[in-house]
Amino acid sequence: MPKTILVHLDASDQCGQRLAAARALAARHQATVECLYAVMPSALQVSFADVAKAGAGAGLRPADDERRAKARAAFDKAVAEGLPGRWLDPLEDLSLRGFVRQAWYSDLVVVGQHQADDAGESGVPADFVETLMMDSGRPVLAIPYIGMRSPPGDVIMIAWKESRETARAVAAALPQLKAASRVHVVTWMDEASGSGQRYPLLGEQLRRHGIDVRQHNYGPEPGDVGAYMLSAAADLGADTIVMGGYGTSRAREWVLGGATRTILRSMTVPVLLVH
């Protein structure tokens, strides 16, 4: 059961959604919420010429201070509304790498989906969720930038695939699965294959934990399974997707699996990912 939930704060308007999700999860699991503001400093987002014009970056500090104050205001508002949270002062700096280190000391991390037209306003790079998922080793709950219809965790859909990543995601999600009112397991597999014959096993395992699970197999895996996952989540009324996060690092760039890439780009409900 998660007892320490870490929420990433930045300068975007979506912080309120993350804090609302954390508040709901904290109430369900009697957890503490820790909030850490971490962004890329403005001086690292502009050209050297612009930094020089600003006086070695000094002119950019007011913008950084304003962004941090905006995040703090969102936090203070959430606390006033009942969030059992505390604001963390970074031990080293406000870097995103520092956030990854803090994640090692949490049970669950809540972040926001990258918004394609962000234009650097949030101060968070496009691959932050991927980096956190790969480097922290912690369960990461990504909240869509379009918001949530309802708090996560009531109707959960597990996107099952026989893999280490998905098995770890299900294990990490057990506290949420036990607290959910409904759990669906969706798969895409040929029932005549070995995987198809093992299809009932996950349902049997989860029922031993007292979880009422319904299983759905949609046949052989389609080309863009990520899009089919989102469609299945809508059809089943799921408010959360649990899945493995797939990817490797090549020359400091994350090369994601097809389904992971699609979900991170187009998610419509919160997604719990574990690498």
C-alpha atoms as a PDB file:
ATOM      1  CA  MET A   1       0.000   0.000   0.000  1.00  0.00           C
ATOM      2  CA  PRO A   2       1.519   3.377  -0.987  1.00  0.00           C
ATOM      3  CA  LYS A   3       2.254   5.497   2.068  1.00  0.00           C
ATOM      4  CA  THR A   4       4.469   8.104   0.414  1.00  0.00           C
ATOM      5  CA  ILE A   5       3.201   9.717  -2.796  1.00  0.00           C
ATOM      6  CA  LEU A   6       5.560  12.117  -4.551  1.00  0.00           C
ATOM      7  CA  VAL A   7       4.014  14.740  -6.835  1.00  0.00           C
ATOM      8  CA  HIS A   8       6.008  16.596  -9.464  1.00  0.00           C
ATOM      9  CA  LEU A   9       5.227  20.313  -9.626  1.00  0.00           C
ATOM     10  CA  ASP A  10       6.185  22.706 -12.391  1.00  0.00           C
ATOM     11  CA  ALA A  11       4.918  25.979 -13.818  1.00  0.00           C
ATOM     12  CA  SER A  12       2.083  24.485 -15.898  1.00  0.00           C
ATOM     13  CA  ASP A  13      -1.629  24.913 -15.295  1.00  0.00           C
ATOM     14  CA  GLN A  14      -1.948  21.121 -14.991  1.00  0.00           C
ATOM     15  CA  CYS A  15      -0.429  20.982 -11.488  1.00  0.00           C
ATOM     16  CA  GLY A  16      -3.911  21.183  -9.997  1.00  0.00           C
ATOM     17  CA  GLN A  17      -4.897  17.930 -11.717  1.00  0.00           C
ATOM     18  CA  ARG A  18      -1.879  16.105 -10.295  1.00  0.00           C
ATOM     19  CA  LEU A  19      -2.579  17.402  -6.821  1.00  0.00           C
ATOM     20  CA  ALA A  20      -6.242  16.373  -7.096  1.00  0.00           C
ATOM     21  CA  ALA A  21      -5.217  12.858  -8.135  1.00  0.00           C
ATOM     22  CA  ALA A  22      -2.743  12.658  -5.248  1.00  0.00           C
ATOM     23  CA  ARG A  23      -5.371  13.864  -2.791  1.00  0.00           C
ATOM     24  CA  ALA A  24      -7.799  11.118  -3.898  1.00  0.00           C
ATOM     25  CA  LEU A  25      -5.109   8.433  -3.700  1.00  0.00           C
ATOM     26  CA  ALA A  26      -3.931   9.655  -0.294  1.00  0.00           C
ATOM     27  CA  ALA A  27      -7.474   9.449   1.068  1.00  0.00           C
ATOM     28  CA  ARG A  28      -7.884   5.924  -0.295  1.00  0.00           C
ATOM     29  CA  HIS A  29      -4.587   4.644   1.091  1.00  0.00           C
ATOM     30  CA  GLN A  30      -4.077   6.914   4.142  1.00  0.00           C
ATOM     31  CA  ALA A  31      -0.884   8.163   2.530  1.00  0.00           C
ATOM     32  CA  THR A  32       1.284  11.245   2.875  1.00  0.00           C
ATOM     33  CA  VAL A  33       1.794  13.446  -0.171  1.00  0.00           C
ATOM     34  CA  GLU A  34       5.151  15.097  -0.772  1.00  0.00           C
ATOM     35  CA  CYS A  35       5.414  17.773  -3.461  1.00  0.00           C
ATOM     36  CA  LEU A  36       8.654  18.772  -5.131  1.00  0.00           C
ATOM     37  CA  TYR A  37       9.060  21.567  -7.653  1.00  0.00           C
ATOM     38  CA  ALA A  38      11.631  20.623 -10.286  1.00  0.00           C
ATOM     39  CA  VAL A  39      12.202  22.236 -13.670  1.00  0.00           C
ATOM     40  CA  MET A  40      14.926  23.046 -16.126  1.00  0.00           C
ATOM     41  CA  PRO A  41      16.253  26.561 -15.315  1.00  0.00           C
ATOM     42  CA  SER A  42      15.436  29.222 -17.900  1.00  0.00           C
ATOM     43  CA  ALA A  43      19.147  29.742 -18.584  1.00  0.00           C
ATOM     44  CA  LEU A  44      19.326  26.211 -19.999  1.00  0.00           C
ATOM     45  CA  GLN A  45      16.325  26.689 -22.271  1.00  0.00           C
ATOM     46  CA  VAL A  46      17.616  29.676 -24.243  1.00  0.00           C
ATOM     47  CA  SER A  47      20.554  30.314 -26.507  1.00  0.00           C
ATOM     48  CA  PHE A  48      23.947  31.447 -25.251  1.00  0.00           C
ATOM     49  CA  ALA A  49      23.427  34.804 -26.968  1.00  0.00           C
ATOM     50  CA  ASP A  50      20.199  35.376 -25.050  1.00  0.00           C
ATOM     51  CA  VAL A  51      21.885  34.445 -21.772  1.00  0.00           C
ATOM     52  CA  ALA A  52      24.698  36.891 -22.503  1.00  0.00           C
ATOM     53  CA  LYS A  53      22.189  39.663 -23.202  1.00  0.00           C
ATOM     54  CA  ALA A  54      20.468  38.921 -19.927  1.00  0.00           C
ATOM     55  CA  GLY A  55      23.693  39.365 -17.997  1.00  0.00           C
ATOM     56  CA  ALA A  56      24.966  35.815 -17.554  1.00  0.00           C
ATOM     57  CA  GLY A  57      21.452  34.629 -16.779  1.00  0.00           C
ATOM     58  CA  ALA A  58      20.718  37.076 -13.974  1.00  0.00           C
ATOM     59  CA  GLY A  59      17.902  38.598 -16.008  1.00  0.00           C
ATOM     60  CA  LEU A  60      16.226  35.216 -16.248  1.00  0.00           C
ATOM     61  CA  ARG A  61      15.992  34.624 -12.505  1.00  0.00           C
ATOM     62  CA  PRO A  62      12.781  36.650 -12.013  1.00  0.00           C
ATOM     63  CA  ALA A  63      11.048  34.357 -14.534  1.00  0.00           C
ATOM     64  CA  ASP A  64      12.278  31.315 -12.628  1.00  0.00           C
ATOM     65  CA  ASP A  65      11.050  32.811  -9.357  1.00  0.00           C
ATOM     66  CA  GLU A  66       7.623  33.509 -10.880  1.00  0.00           C
ATOM     67  CA  ARG A  67       7.295  29.942 -12.110  1.00  0.00           C
ATOM     68  CA  ARG A  68       8.191  28.538  -8.710  1.00  0.00           C
ATOM     69  CA  ALA A  69       5.730  30.908  -7.004  1.00  0.00           C
ATOM     70  CA  LYS A  70       2.981  29.693  -9.349  1.00  0.00           C
ATOM     71  CA  ALA A  71       3.647  26.080  -8.383  1.00  0.00           C
ATOM     72  CA  ARG A  72       3.703  27.000  -4.683  1.00  0.00           C
ATOM     73  CA  ALA A  73       0.350  28.757  -5.045  1.00  0.00           C
ATOM     74  CA  ALA A  74      -1.165  25.607  -6.592  1.00  0.00           C
ATOM     75  CA  PHE A  75       0.224  23.568  -3.687  1.00  0.00           C
ATOM     76  CA  ASP A  76      -1.092  25.972  -1.036  1.00  0.00           C
ATOM     77  CA  LYS A  77      -4.539  25.903  -2.663  1.00  0.00           C
ATOM     78  CA  ALA A  78      -4.575  22.089  -2.647  1.00  0.00           C
ATOM     79  CA  VAL A  79      -3.566  21.976   1.035  1.00  0.00           C
ATOM     80  CA  ALA A  80      -6.334  24.438   1.891  1.00  0.00           C
ATOM     81  CA  GLU A  81      -8.772  22.070   0.136  1.00  0.00           C
ATOM     82  CA  GLY A  82      -7.619  19.080   2.190  1.00  0.00           C
ATOM     83  CA  LEU A  83      -4.449  17.700   0.592  1.00  0.00           C
ATOM     84  CA  PRO A  84      -2.397  15.921   3.314  1.00  0.00           C
ATOM     85  CA  GLY A  85       0.809  17.194   1.791  1.00  0.00           C
ATOM     86  CA  ARG A  86       4.055  18.927   2.480  1.00  0.00           C
ATOM     87  CA  TRP A  87       6.271  21.066   0.292  1.00  0.00           C
ATOM     88  CA  LEU A  88       9.770  19.676  -0.077  1.00  0.00           C
ATOM     89  CA  ASP A  89      12.774  21.932  -0.262  1.00  0.00           C
ATOM     90  CA  PRO A  90      15.309  20.228  -2.540  1.00  0.00           C
ATOM     91  CA  LEU A  91      18.412  18.916  -0.821  1.00  0.00           C
ATOM     92  CA  GLU A  92      20.659  19.916  -3.724  1.00  0.00           C
ATOM     93  CA  ASP A  93      18.953  21.965  -6.435  1.00  0.00           C
ATOM     94  CA  LEU A  94      15.760  22.230  -8.428  1.00  0.00           C
ATOM     95  CA  SER A  95      17.054  19.957 -11.186  1.00  0.00           C
ATOM     96  CA  LEU A  96      14.996  17.218 -12.727  1.00  0.00           C
ATOM     97  CA  ARG A  97      17.774  14.796 -11.833  1.00  0.00           C
ATOM     98  CA  GLY A  98      17.221  15.750  -8.219  1.00  0.00           C
ATOM     99  CA  PHE A  99      13.565  14.805  -8.629  1.00  0.00           C
ATOM    100  CA  VAL A 100      14.540  11.338  -9.834  1.00  0.00           C
ATOM    101  CA  ARG A 101      16.673  10.904  -6.702  1.00  0.00           C
ATOM    102  CA  GLN A 102      13.751  11.942  -4.498  1.00  0.00           C
ATOM    103  CA  ALA A 103      11.532   9.423  -6.296  1.00  0.00           C
ATOM    104  CA  TRP A 104      13.704   6.601  -4.939  1.00  0.00           C
ATOM    105  CA  TYR A 105      12.281   7.373  -1.488  1.00  0.00           C
ATOM    106  CA  SER A 106       8.602   7.229  -2.492  1.00  0.00           C
ATOM    107  CA  ASP A 107       6.079   4.477  -3.156  1.00  0.00           C
ATOM    108  CA  LEU A 108       4.305   6.175  -6.053  1.00  0.00           C
ATOM    109  CA  VAL A 109       5.183   9.156  -8.243  1.00  0.00           C
ATOM    110  CA  VAL A 110       2.544  11.405  -9.830  1.00  0.00           C
ATOM    111  CA  VAL A 111       3.575  13.414 -12.896  1.00  0.00           C
ATOM    112  CA  GLY A 112       1.931  15.187 -15.807  1.00  0.00           C
ATOM    113  CA  GLN A 113       1.816  14.131 -19.429  1.00  0.00           C
ATOM    114  CA  HIS A 114       3.950  16.290 -21.706  1.00  0.00           C
ATOM    115  CA  GLN A 115       1.919  18.773 -23.710  1.00  0.00           C
ATOM    116  CA  ALA A 116       3.174  19.003 -27.280  1.00  0.00           C
ATOM    117  CA  ASP A 117       2.489  22.752 -27.602  1.00  0.00           C
ATOM    118  CA  ASP A 118       4.059  23.567 -24.238  1.00  0.00           C
ATOM    119  CA  ALA A 119       6.841  25.643 -25.881  1.00  0.00           C
ATOM    120  CA  GLY A 120       8.984  25.333 -22.784  1.00  0.00           C
ATOM    121  CA  GLU A 121       6.585  27.239 -20.527  1.00  0.00           C
ATOM    122  CA  SER A 122       6.433  24.467 -17.920  1.00  0.00           C
ATOM    123  CA  GLY A 123      10.225  24.148 -17.778  1.00  0.00           C
ATOM    124  CA  VAL A 124       9.996  20.377 -18.245  1.00  0.00           C
ATOM    125  CA  PRO A 125      11.616  18.562 -21.199  1.00  0.00           C
ATOM    126  CA  ALA A 126       9.462  16.408 -23.467  1.00  0.00           C
ATOM    127  CA  ASP A 127      11.065  13.153 -22.303  1.00  0.00           C
ATOM    128  CA  PHE A 128      10.742  13.768 -18.564  1.00  0.00           C
ATOM    129  CA  VAL A 129       8.117  11.055 -17.939  1.00  0.00           C
ATOM    130  CA  GLU A 130      10.169   8.505 -19.888  1.00  0.00           C
ATOM    131  CA  THR A 131      13.351   9.445 -18.036  1.00  0.00           C
ATOM    132  CA  LEU A 132      11.637   9.217 -14.664  1.00  0.00           C
ATOM    133  CA  MET A 133      10.074   5.879 -15.543  1.00  0.00           C
ATOM    134  CA  MET A 134      13.407   4.416 -16.676  1.00  0.00           C
ATOM    135  CA  ASP A 135      15.706   5.902 -14.017  1.00  0.00           C
ATOM    136  CA  SER A 136      13.599   5.875 -10.859  1.00  0.00           C
ATOM    137  CA  GLY A 137      12.432   2.259 -10.864  1.00  0.00           C
ATOM    138  CA  ARG A 138       9.264   3.463  -9.121  1.00  0.00           C
ATOM    139  CA  PRO A 139       5.629   3.216 -10.272  1.00  0.00           C
ATOM    140  CA  VAL A 140       4.833   6.398 -12.199  1.00  0.00           C
ATOM    141  CA  LEU A 141       1.255   7.647 -12.525  1.00  0.00           C
ATOM    142  CA  ALA A 142       1.008  10.026 -15.488  1.00  0.00           C
ATOM    143  CA  ILE A 143      -1.983  12.386 -15.525  1.00  0.00           C
ATOM    144  CA  PRO A 144      -3.258  13.503 -18.980  1.00  0.00           C
ATOM    145  CA  TYR A 145      -2.796  17.179 -19.717  1.00  0.00           C
ATOM    146  CA  ILE A 146      -6.444  17.291 -20.820  1.00  0.00           C
ATOM    147  CA  GLY A 147      -7.430  16.437 -17.243  1.00  0.00           C
ATOM    148  CA  MET A 148      -9.415  13.623 -15.626  1.00  0.00           C
ATOM    149  CA  ARG A 149     -13.112  12.790 -15.768  1.00  0.00           C
ATOM    150  CA  SER A 150     -12.854  11.368 -12.244  1.00  0.00           C
ATOM    151  CA  PRO A 151     -10.095  10.606  -9.715  1.00  0.00           C
ATOM    152  CA  PRO A 152      -7.975   7.588 -10.653  1.00  0.00           C
ATOM    153  CA  GLY A 153      -8.288   4.153  -9.124  1.00  0.00           C
ATOM    154  CA  ASP A 154     -11.998   3.281  -9.099  1.00  0.00           C
ATOM    155  CA  VAL A 155     -12.212   1.355 -12.397  1.00  0.00           C
ATOM    156  CA  ILE A 156      -8.801   0.048 -13.432  1.00  0.00           C
ATOM    157  CA  MET A 157      -7.829  -1.589 -16.710  1.00  0.00           C
ATOM    158  CA  ILE A 158      -4.697  -3.745 -16.825  1.00  0.00           C
ATOM    159  CA  ALA A 159      -3.157  -3.922 -20.299  1.00  0.00           C
ATOM    160  CA  TRP A 160      -1.621  -7.364 -19.909  1.00  0.00           C
ATOM    161  CA  LYS A 161       1.321  -8.665 -21.916  1.00  0.00           C
ATOM    162  CA  GLU A 162       3.560 -11.527 -20.888  1.00  0.00           C
ATOM    163  CA  SER A 163       6.649  -9.536 -19.925  1.00  0.00           C
ATOM    164  CA  ARG A 164       8.756  -8.545 -16.946  1.00  0.00           C
ATOM    165  CA  GLU A 165       7.624  -4.915 -17.206  1.00  0.00           C
ATOM    166  CA  THR A 166       3.910  -5.722 -17.129  1.00  0.00           C
ATOM    167  CA  ALA A 167       4.312  -8.264 -14.317  1.00  0.00           C
ATOM    168  CA  ARG A 168       6.106  -5.614 -12.244  1.00  0.00           C
ATOM    169  CA  ALA A 169       3.416  -3.041 -13.066  1.00  0.00           C
ATOM    170  CA  VAL A 170       0.673  -5.370 -11.827  1.00  0.00           C
ATOM    171  CA  ALA A 171       2.629  -6.152  -8.654  1.00  0.00           C
ATOM    172  CA  ALA A 172       3.199  -2.434  -7.991  1.00  0.00           C
ATOM    173  CA  ALA A 173      -0.482  -1.693  -8.600  1.00  0.00           C
ATOM    174  CA  LEU A 174      -1.830  -4.361  -6.211  1.00  0.00           C
ATOM    175  CA  PRO A 175      -2.825  -1.853  -3.487  1.00  0.00           C
ATOM    176  CA  GLN A 176      -4.779   0.182  -6.053  1.00  0.00           C
ATOM    177  CA  LEU A 177      -6.295  -2.965  -7.572  1.00  0.00           C
ATOM    178  CA  LYS A 178      -7.516  -4.134  -4.147  1.00  0.00           C
ATOM    179  CA  ALA A 179      -9.110  -0.740  -3.487  1.00  0.00           C
ATOM    180  CA  ALA A 180     -10.793  -0.483  -6.906  1.00  0.00           C
ATOM    181  CA  SER A 181     -14.494  -1.181  -7.406  1.00  0.00           C
ATOM    182  CA  ARG A 182     -13.820  -2.914 -10.736  1.00  0.00           C
ATOM    183  CA  VAL A 183     -10.730  -4.341 -12.429  1.00  0.00           C
ATOM    184  CA  HIS A 184     -10.532  -5.359 -16.069  1.00  0.00           C
ATOM    185  CA  VAL A 185      -7.693  -7.282 -17.695  1.00  0.00           C
ATOM    186  CA  VAL A 186      -7.390  -6.770 -21.445  1.00  0.00           C
ATOM    187  CA  THR A 187      -5.117  -8.802 -23.691  1.00  0.00           C
ATOM    188  CA  TRP A 188      -4.405  -9.270 -27.350  1.00  0.00           C
ATOM    189  CA  MET A 189      -3.285 -12.840 -27.943  1.00  0.00           C
ATOM    190  CA  ASP A 190      -3.983 -15.906 -30.019  1.00  0.00           C
ATOM    191  CA  GLU A 191      -5.888 -18.282 -27.735  1.00  0.00           C
ATOM    192  CA  ALA A 192      -4.299 -21.279 -29.459  1.00  0.00           C
ATOM    193  CA  SER A 193      -0.795 -20.108 -28.524  1.00  0.00           C
ATOM    194  CA  GLY A 194       1.047 -20.778 -25.272  1.00  0.00           C
ATOM    195  CA  SER A 195       0.223 -17.245 -24.115  1.00  0.00           C
ATOM    196  CA  GLY A 196      -3.424 -17.826 -24.924  1.00  0.00           C
ATOM    197  CA  GLN A 197      -3.508 -21.010 -22.892  1.00  0.00           C
ATOM    198  CA  ARG A 198      -2.012 -19.127 -19.926  1.00  0.00           C
ATOM    199  CA  TYR A 199      -4.593 -16.358 -20.363  1.00  0.00           C
ATOM    200  CA  PRO A 200      -6.704 -17.293 -17.262  1.00  0.00           C
ATOM    201  CA  LEU A 201      -3.719 -17.366 -14.890  1.00  0.00           C
ATOM    202  CA  LEU A 202      -3.577 -13.636 -14.123  1.00  0.00           C
ATOM    203  CA  GLY A 203      -7.254 -13.588 -13.234  1.00  0.00           C
ATOM    204  CA  GLU A 204      -6.741 -16.538 -10.902  1.00  0.00           C
ATOM    205  CA  GLN A 205      -3.772 -14.826  -9.243  1.00  0.00           C
ATOM    206  CA  LEU A 206      -5.660 -11.560  -8.678  1.00  0.00           C
ATOM    207  CA  ARG A 207      -8.746 -13.325  -7.312  1.00  0.00           C
ATOM    208  CA  ARG A 208      -6.560 -14.876  -4.614  1.00  0.00           C
ATOM    209  CA  HIS A 209      -5.956 -11.281  -3.455  1.00  0.00           C
ATOM    210  CA  GLY A 210      -9.711 -10.750  -3.215  1.00  0.00           C
ATOM    211  CA  ILE A 211      -9.877  -8.726  -6.445  1.00  0.00           C
ATOM    212  CA  ASP A 212     -12.993  -9.067  -8.578  1.00  0.00           C
ATOM    213  CA  VAL A 213     -11.477  -9.149 -12.056  1.00  0.00           C
ATOM    214  CA  ARG A 214     -13.038  -9.451 -15.489  1.00  0.00           C
ATOM    215  CA  GLN A 215     -10.899 -10.617 -18.409  1.00  0.00           C
ATOM    216  CA  HIS A 216     -11.200  -9.622 -22.054  1.00  0.00           C
ATOM    217  CA  ASN A 217      -9.134 -11.096 -24.878  1.00  0.00           C
ATOM    218  CA  TYR A 218      -9.415  -9.277 -28.192  1.00  0.00           C
ATOM    219  CA  GLY A 219      -7.540 -11.790 -30.328  1.00  0.00           C
ATOM    220  CA  PRO A 220      -4.124 -11.484 -32.034  1.00  0.00           C
ATOM    221  CA  GLU A 221      -2.204  -8.288 -31.274  1.00  0.00           C
ATOM    222  CA  PRO A 222      -2.982  -5.494 -33.783  1.00  0.00           C
ATOM    223  CA  GLY A 223      -0.431  -3.164 -35.324  1.00  0.00           C
ATOM    224  CA  ASP A 224      -0.957  -0.129 -33.089  1.00  0.00           C
ATOM    225  CA  VAL A 225      -1.991  -1.835 -29.857  1.00  0.00           C
ATOM    226  CA  GLY A 226      -1.654   1.434 -27.921  1.00  0.00           C
ATOM    227  CA  ALA A 227      -4.602   2.943 -29.806  1.00  0.00           C
ATOM    228  CA  TYR A 228      -6.638  -0.194 -29.113  1.00  0.00           C
ATOM    229  CA  MET A 229      -5.781   0.103 -25.403  1.00  0.00           C
ATOM    230  CA  LEU A 230      -7.218   3.609 -25.286  1.00  0.00           C
ATOM    231  CA  SER A 231     -10.337   2.442 -27.122  1.00  0.00           C
ATOM    232  CA  ALA A 232     -10.785  -0.476 -24.707  1.00  0.00           C
ATOM    233  CA  ALA A 233     -10.375   1.855 -21.714  1.00  0.00           C
ATOM    234  CA  ALA A 234     -13.161   4.064 -23.067  1.00  0.00           C
ATOM    235  CA  ASP A 235     -15.450   1.091 -23.763  1.00  0.00           C
ATOM    236  CA  LEU A 236     -14.913  -0.345 -20.264  1.00  0.00           C
ATOM    237  CA  GLY A 237     -15.291   3.002 -18.495  1.00  0.00           C
ATOM    238  CA  ALA A 238     -11.791   2.729 -16.995  1.00  0.00           C
ATOM    239  CA  ASP A 239     -10.382   5.733 -15.147  1.00  0.00           C
ATOM    240  CA  THR A 240      -6.855   4.263 -14.919  1.00  0.00           C
ATOM    241  CA  ILE A 241      -4.672   2.076 -17.133  1.00  0.00           C
ATOM    242  CA  VAL A 242      -1.942  -0.140 -15.646  1.00  0.00           C
ATOM    243  CA  MET A 243       0.781  -1.222 -18.055  1.00  0.00           C
ATOM    244  CA  GLY A 244       4.456  -1.983 -18.388  1.00  0.00           C
ATOM    245  CA  GLY A 245       6.698   0.782 -19.693  1.00  0.00           C
ATOM    246  CA  TYR A 246       8.952  -0.358 -22.498  1.00  0.00           C
ATOM    247  CA  GLY A 247      12.033   1.400 -23.769  1.00  0.00           C
ATOM    248  CA  THR A 248      15.803   1.479 -24.122  1.00  0.00           C
ATOM    249  CA  SER A 249      18.385   4.252 -24.150  1.00  0.00           C
ATOM    250  CA  ARG A 250      20.382   4.934 -27.260  1.00  0.00           C
ATOM    251  CA  ALA A 251      22.786   7.845 -27.416  1.00  0.00           C
ATOM    252  CA  ARG A 252      20.935   9.552 -24.537  1.00  0.00           C
ATOM    253  CA  GLU A 253      17.584   9.319 -26.328  1.00  0.00           C
ATOM    254  CA  TRP A 254      14.770   7.045 -25.202  1.00  0.00           C
ATOM    255  CA  VAL A 255      13.596   4.592 -27.826  1.00  0.00           C
ATOM    256  CA  LEU A 256      10.162   3.583 -26.586  1.00  0.00           C
ATOM    257  CA  GLY A 257       8.054   0.560 -27.408  1.00  0.00           C
ATOM    258  CA  GLY A 258       5.155   1.271 -29.759  1.00  0.00           C
ATOM    259  CA  ALA A 259       2.364   0.974 -27.185  1.00  0.00           C
ATOM    260  CA  THR A 260       4.256   3.026 -24.588  1.00  0.00           C
ATOM    261  CA  ARG A 261       4.931   5.756 -27.131  1.00  0.00           C
ATOM    262  CA  THR A 262       1.277   5.893 -28.212  1.00  0.00           C
ATOM    263  CA  ILE A 263      -0.049   5.978 -24.645  1.00  0.00           C
ATOM    264  CA  LEU A 264       2.359   8.700 -23.502  1.00  0.00           C
ATOM    265  CA  ARG A 265       1.429  10.809 -26.524  1.00  0.00           C
ATOM    266  CA  SER A 266      -2.346  10.242 -26.575  1.00  0.00           C
ATOM    267  CA  MET A 267      -3.476   9.154 -23.092  1.00  0.00           C
ATOM    268  CA  THR A 268      -7.054  10.026 -22.165  1.00  0.00           C
ATOM    269  CA  VAL A 269      -7.012   8.650 -18.595  1.00  0.00           C
ATOM    270  CA  PRO A 270      -4.244   8.406 -15.973  1.00  0.00           C
ATOM    271  CA  VAL A 271      -1.718   5.669 -16.719  1.00  0.00           C
ATOM    272  CA  LEU A 272       0.381   3.765 -14.176  1.00  0.00           C
ATOM    273  CA  LEU A 273       3.678   2.732 -15.767  1.00  0.00           C
ATOM    274  CA  VAL A 274       6.510   0.608 -14.432  1.00  0.00           C
ATOM    275  CA  HIS A 275       9.716  -0.176 -16.283  1.00  0.00           C
END
